[in-house]
Every structure is written in structure tokens, then in C-alpha cells.
Amino acid sequence: PYPYNALGGYVPNVTSGFALETQTRPFYSPKQFANGANVSVVVHEIAHQWYGNSVSVDGWKDIWINEGFARYSQWLWS
């Protein structure tokens, strides 16, 4: 089950070019949706609600675990 009570997303009018997995409200760049829906990036950031936000790693040397599970989630979705 989803680990939180809410989920949304935020697409501010800025030119950052990246997404960020903030808890319950991932941040997306408008550039990521310039050609329409970008389900892959949405799946990746939502996966971080479990891998990175709900359960985190011991230190930066282990951050690959968060990103690895998020990428794996993208692959499963595709």
C-alpha cells in the first residue's frame, strides 16, 4: 500500500530540467512534459515515496539503492 495519506505533484513555471521526489508532492519540471505525458518520470518519482522517502539509506554512498529501485519500478511499469 501507499505509505502516506496524500499524493500530488507540483509543476512550477521554472526551467530546472529535473524532477525531485519530495514527500507526497513530487516536483516536476515543465520541460519533462513538453511533448505530452511523461509517465516514466512520474513512475520514477512516485517510486521514491517507498524507496527514499519511507525507507532511506544510511549515507550518500548508498544512494544508488534509492535510484536503483526507482529505475526498477520504471522498468516494471513499462
N, C-alpha and C. Protein backbone atom coordinates (compact mmCIF):
# COMPACT_ATOMS: atom_id res chain seq x y z
N PRO A 1 0.82 -1.20 0.00
CA PRO A 1 0.00 0.00 0.00
C PRO A 1 0.86 1.27 0.00
N TYR A 2 0.25 2.34 -0.44
CA TYR A 2 0.93 3.63 -0.46
C TYR A 2 1.20 4.07 0.98
N PRO A 3 2.43 4.52 1.29
CA PRO A 3 2.79 4.79 2.69
C PRO A 3 2.29 6.10 3.28
N TYR A 4 1.59 6.94 2.52
CA TYR A 4 1.16 8.24 3.03
C TYR A 4 -0.33 8.44 2.78
N ASN A 5 -0.90 9.51 3.31
CA ASN A 5 -2.33 9.78 3.17
C ASN A 5 -2.68 10.58 1.92
N ALA A 6 -1.69 11.17 1.26
CA ALA A 6 -1.97 12.02 0.10
C ALA A 6 -0.88 11.83 -0.95
N LEU A 7 -1.20 12.19 -2.19
CA LEU A 7 -0.22 12.19 -3.28
C LEU A 7 -0.63 13.25 -4.28
N GLY A 8 0.32 13.99 -4.72
CA GLY A 8 0.07 15.01 -5.73
C GLY A 8 1.34 15.24 -6.50
N GLY A 9 1.39 16.33 -7.19
CA GLY A 9 2.59 16.70 -7.93
C GLY A 9 2.62 18.20 -8.10
N TYR A 10 3.79 18.72 -8.36
CA TYR A 10 3.97 20.16 -8.49
C TYR A 10 4.81 20.42 -9.72
N VAL A 11 4.28 21.23 -10.64
CA VAL A 11 5.00 21.60 -11.86
C VAL A 11 5.06 23.13 -11.92
N PRO A 12 6.07 23.71 -11.27
CA PRO A 12 6.18 25.18 -11.28
C PRO A 12 6.66 25.69 -12.64
N ASN A 13 6.43 26.92 -12.90
CA ASN A 13 6.85 27.52 -14.17
C ASN A 13 8.31 27.98 -14.07
N VAL A 14 9.21 27.00 -13.98
CA VAL A 14 10.65 27.27 -13.92
C VAL A 14 11.35 26.36 -14.93
N THR A 15 12.58 26.65 -15.22
CA THR A 15 13.31 25.87 -16.22
C THR A 15 14.40 25.01 -15.57
N SER A 16 14.05 24.24 -14.56
CA SER A 16 15.03 23.44 -13.84
C SER A 16 15.53 22.25 -14.65
N GLY A 17 14.63 21.56 -15.35
CA GLY A 17 15.02 20.41 -16.15
C GLY A 17 15.14 19.11 -15.37
N PHE A 18 14.76 19.09 -14.10
CA PHE A 18 14.87 17.86 -13.31
C PHE A 18 13.61 17.66 -12.48
N ALA A 19 13.48 16.46 -11.93
CA ALA A 19 12.39 16.14 -11.02
C ALA A 19 13.00 15.85 -9.65
N LEU A 20 12.18 16.01 -8.61
CA LEU A 20 12.66 15.77 -7.25
C LEU A 20 11.56 15.08 -6.47
N GLU A 21 11.92 14.03 -5.75
CA GLU A 21 10.95 13.17 -5.06
C GLU A 21 10.58 13.68 -3.68
N THR A 22 10.10 14.89 -3.57
CA THR A 22 9.68 15.41 -2.27
C THR A 22 8.49 14.59 -1.75
N GLN A 23 8.42 14.42 -0.45
CA GLN A 23 7.43 13.54 0.15
C GLN A 23 6.00 13.99 -0.13
N THR A 24 5.23 13.13 -0.72
CA THR A 24 3.82 13.25 -1.12
C THR A 24 3.55 14.25 -2.25
N ARG A 25 4.50 15.10 -2.61
CA ARG A 25 4.30 16.07 -3.68
C ARG A 25 5.56 16.18 -4.55
N PRO A 26 5.81 15.20 -5.41
CA PRO A 26 6.99 15.30 -6.27
C PRO A 26 6.98 16.58 -7.11
N PHE A 27 8.15 17.08 -7.36
CA PHE A 27 8.38 18.30 -8.13
C PHE A 27 8.81 17.88 -9.53
N TYR A 28 8.15 18.41 -10.55
CA TYR A 28 8.48 18.08 -11.94
C TYR A 28 8.77 19.37 -12.70
N SER A 29 9.70 19.29 -13.62
CA SER A 29 10.00 20.42 -14.49
C SER A 29 9.02 20.44 -15.66
N PRO A 30 8.55 21.61 -16.09
CA PRO A 30 7.70 21.67 -17.27
C PRO A 30 8.37 21.07 -18.51
N LYS A 31 9.70 21.13 -18.57
CA LYS A 31 10.43 20.56 -19.71
C LYS A 31 10.15 19.07 -19.87
N GLN A 32 9.87 18.39 -18.76
CA GLN A 32 9.65 16.95 -18.81
C GLN A 32 8.31 16.60 -19.45
N PHE A 33 7.45 17.58 -19.62
CA PHE A 33 6.14 17.34 -20.21
C PHE A 33 5.94 18.14 -21.50
N ALA A 34 7.04 18.64 -22.06
CA ALA A 34 6.96 19.48 -23.26
C ALA A 34 6.35 18.73 -24.45
N ASN A 35 6.53 17.41 -24.49
CA ASN A 35 5.99 16.60 -25.59
C ASN A 35 4.80 15.77 -25.15
N GLY A 36 4.12 16.19 -24.09
CA GLY A 36 2.96 15.46 -23.60
C GLY A 36 3.27 14.72 -22.31
N ALA A 37 2.45 13.74 -22.00
CA ALA A 37 2.59 12.98 -20.75
C ALA A 37 3.95 12.28 -20.70
N ASN A 38 4.52 12.22 -19.52
CA ASN A 38 5.80 11.55 -19.31
C ASN A 38 5.63 10.59 -18.14
N VAL A 39 4.95 9.49 -18.41
CA VAL A 39 4.60 8.53 -17.37
C VAL A 39 5.85 7.97 -16.69
N SER A 40 6.91 7.77 -17.45
CA SER A 40 8.13 7.19 -16.91
C SER A 40 8.69 8.01 -15.75
N VAL A 41 8.76 9.33 -15.91
CA VAL A 41 9.31 10.17 -14.85
C VAL A 41 8.35 10.23 -13.65
N VAL A 42 7.07 10.19 -13.90
CA VAL A 42 6.09 10.18 -12.81
C VAL A 42 6.22 8.88 -12.00
N VAL A 43 6.32 7.75 -12.70
CA VAL A 43 6.50 6.46 -12.01
C VAL A 43 7.78 6.48 -11.18
N HIS A 44 8.86 7.01 -11.74
CA HIS A 44 10.14 7.07 -11.04
C HIS A 44 10.02 7.88 -9.74
N GLU A 45 9.42 9.06 -9.82
CA GLU A 45 9.32 9.91 -8.63
C GLU A 45 8.35 9.35 -7.61
N ILE A 46 7.26 8.73 -8.05
CA ILE A 46 6.33 8.12 -7.10
C ILE A 46 6.97 6.91 -6.43
N ALA A 47 7.80 6.17 -7.15
CA ALA A 47 8.51 5.03 -6.55
C ALA A 47 9.37 5.48 -5.38
N HIS A 48 9.89 6.69 -5.45
CA HIS A 48 10.70 7.21 -4.35
C HIS A 48 9.88 7.41 -3.07
N GLN A 49 8.56 7.41 -3.15
CA GLN A 49 7.76 7.52 -1.94
C GLN A 49 8.00 6.31 -1.05
N TRP A 50 8.32 5.17 -1.67
CA TRP A 50 8.67 3.97 -0.90
C TRP A 50 10.19 3.89 -0.70
N TYR A 51 10.93 4.07 -1.77
CA TYR A 51 12.39 3.90 -1.75
C TYR A 51 13.06 5.26 -1.71
N GLY A 52 13.30 5.75 -0.54
CA GLY A 52 13.95 7.05 -0.38
C GLY A 52 13.22 7.94 0.60
N ASN A 53 11.89 7.93 0.56
CA ASN A 53 11.13 8.77 1.48
C ASN A 53 10.60 7.97 2.67
N SER A 54 10.10 6.78 2.42
CA SER A 54 9.58 5.95 3.51
C SER A 54 10.72 5.18 4.19
N VAL A 55 11.63 4.65 3.39
CA VAL A 55 12.81 3.94 3.88
C VAL A 55 14.02 4.61 3.23
N SER A 56 14.94 5.06 4.03
CA SER A 56 16.10 5.75 3.46
C SER A 56 17.39 4.99 3.75
N VAL A 57 18.43 5.36 3.04
CA VAL A 57 19.72 4.69 3.16
C VAL A 57 20.54 5.30 4.29
N ASP A 58 21.60 4.62 4.65
CA ASP A 58 22.46 5.06 5.75
C ASP A 58 23.28 6.30 5.39
N GLY A 59 23.70 6.41 4.15
CA GLY A 59 24.52 7.55 3.74
C GLY A 59 24.53 7.71 2.23
N TRP A 60 25.19 8.76 1.76
CA TRP A 60 25.22 9.06 0.33
C TRP A 60 25.86 7.95 -0.49
N LYS A 61 26.77 7.19 0.11
CA LYS A 61 27.41 6.11 -0.62
C LYS A 61 26.41 5.02 -1.02
N ASP A 62 25.26 5.01 -0.39
CA ASP A 62 24.23 4.01 -0.67
C ASP A 62 23.05 4.56 -1.45
N ILE A 63 23.15 5.77 -1.95
CA ILE A 63 22.01 6.40 -2.65
C ILE A 63 21.60 5.62 -3.90
N TRP A 64 22.51 4.83 -4.43
CA TRP A 64 22.20 4.02 -5.60
C TRP A 64 21.02 3.09 -5.33
N ILE A 65 20.81 2.71 -4.06
CA ILE A 65 19.69 1.84 -3.73
C ILE A 65 18.37 2.55 -4.03
N ASN A 66 18.23 3.81 -3.60
CA ASN A 66 17.01 4.59 -3.88
C ASN A 66 16.78 4.70 -5.38
N GLU A 67 17.83 5.10 -6.10
CA GLU A 67 17.70 5.29 -7.54
C GLU A 67 17.51 3.97 -8.27
N GLY A 68 18.18 2.93 -7.78
CA GLY A 68 18.04 1.62 -8.41
C GLY A 68 16.62 1.09 -8.33
N PHE A 69 15.99 1.20 -7.16
CA PHE A 69 14.61 0.74 -7.03
C PHE A 69 13.64 1.62 -7.82
N ALA A 70 13.91 2.90 -7.89
CA ALA A 70 13.05 3.78 -8.70
C ALA A 70 13.17 3.42 -10.18
N ARG A 71 14.39 3.17 -10.65
CA ARG A 71 14.59 2.76 -12.05
C ARG A 71 13.95 1.40 -12.32
N TYR A 72 14.07 0.49 -11.36
CA TYR A 72 13.45 -0.82 -11.49
C TYR A 72 11.93 -0.68 -11.59
N SER A 73 11.36 0.22 -10.81
CA SER A 73 9.91 0.48 -10.88
C SER A 73 9.52 1.00 -12.25
N GLN A 74 10.34 1.87 -12.83
CA GLN A 74 10.09 2.35 -14.19
C GLN A 74 10.07 1.18 -15.16
N TRP A 75 11.04 0.30 -15.03
CA TRP A 75 11.13 -0.85 -15.92
C TRP A 75 9.89 -1.74 -15.77
N LEU A 76 9.47 -2.00 -14.52
CA LEU A 76 8.28 -2.82 -14.29
C LEU A 76 7.05 -2.18 -14.92
N TRP A 77 6.92 -0.87 -14.82
CA TRP A 77 5.76 -0.17 -15.37
C TRP A 77 5.73 -0.25 -16.89
N SER A 78 6.92 -0.18 -17.50
CA SER A 78 6.97 -0.18 -18.97
C SER A 78 6.63 -1.55 -19.51
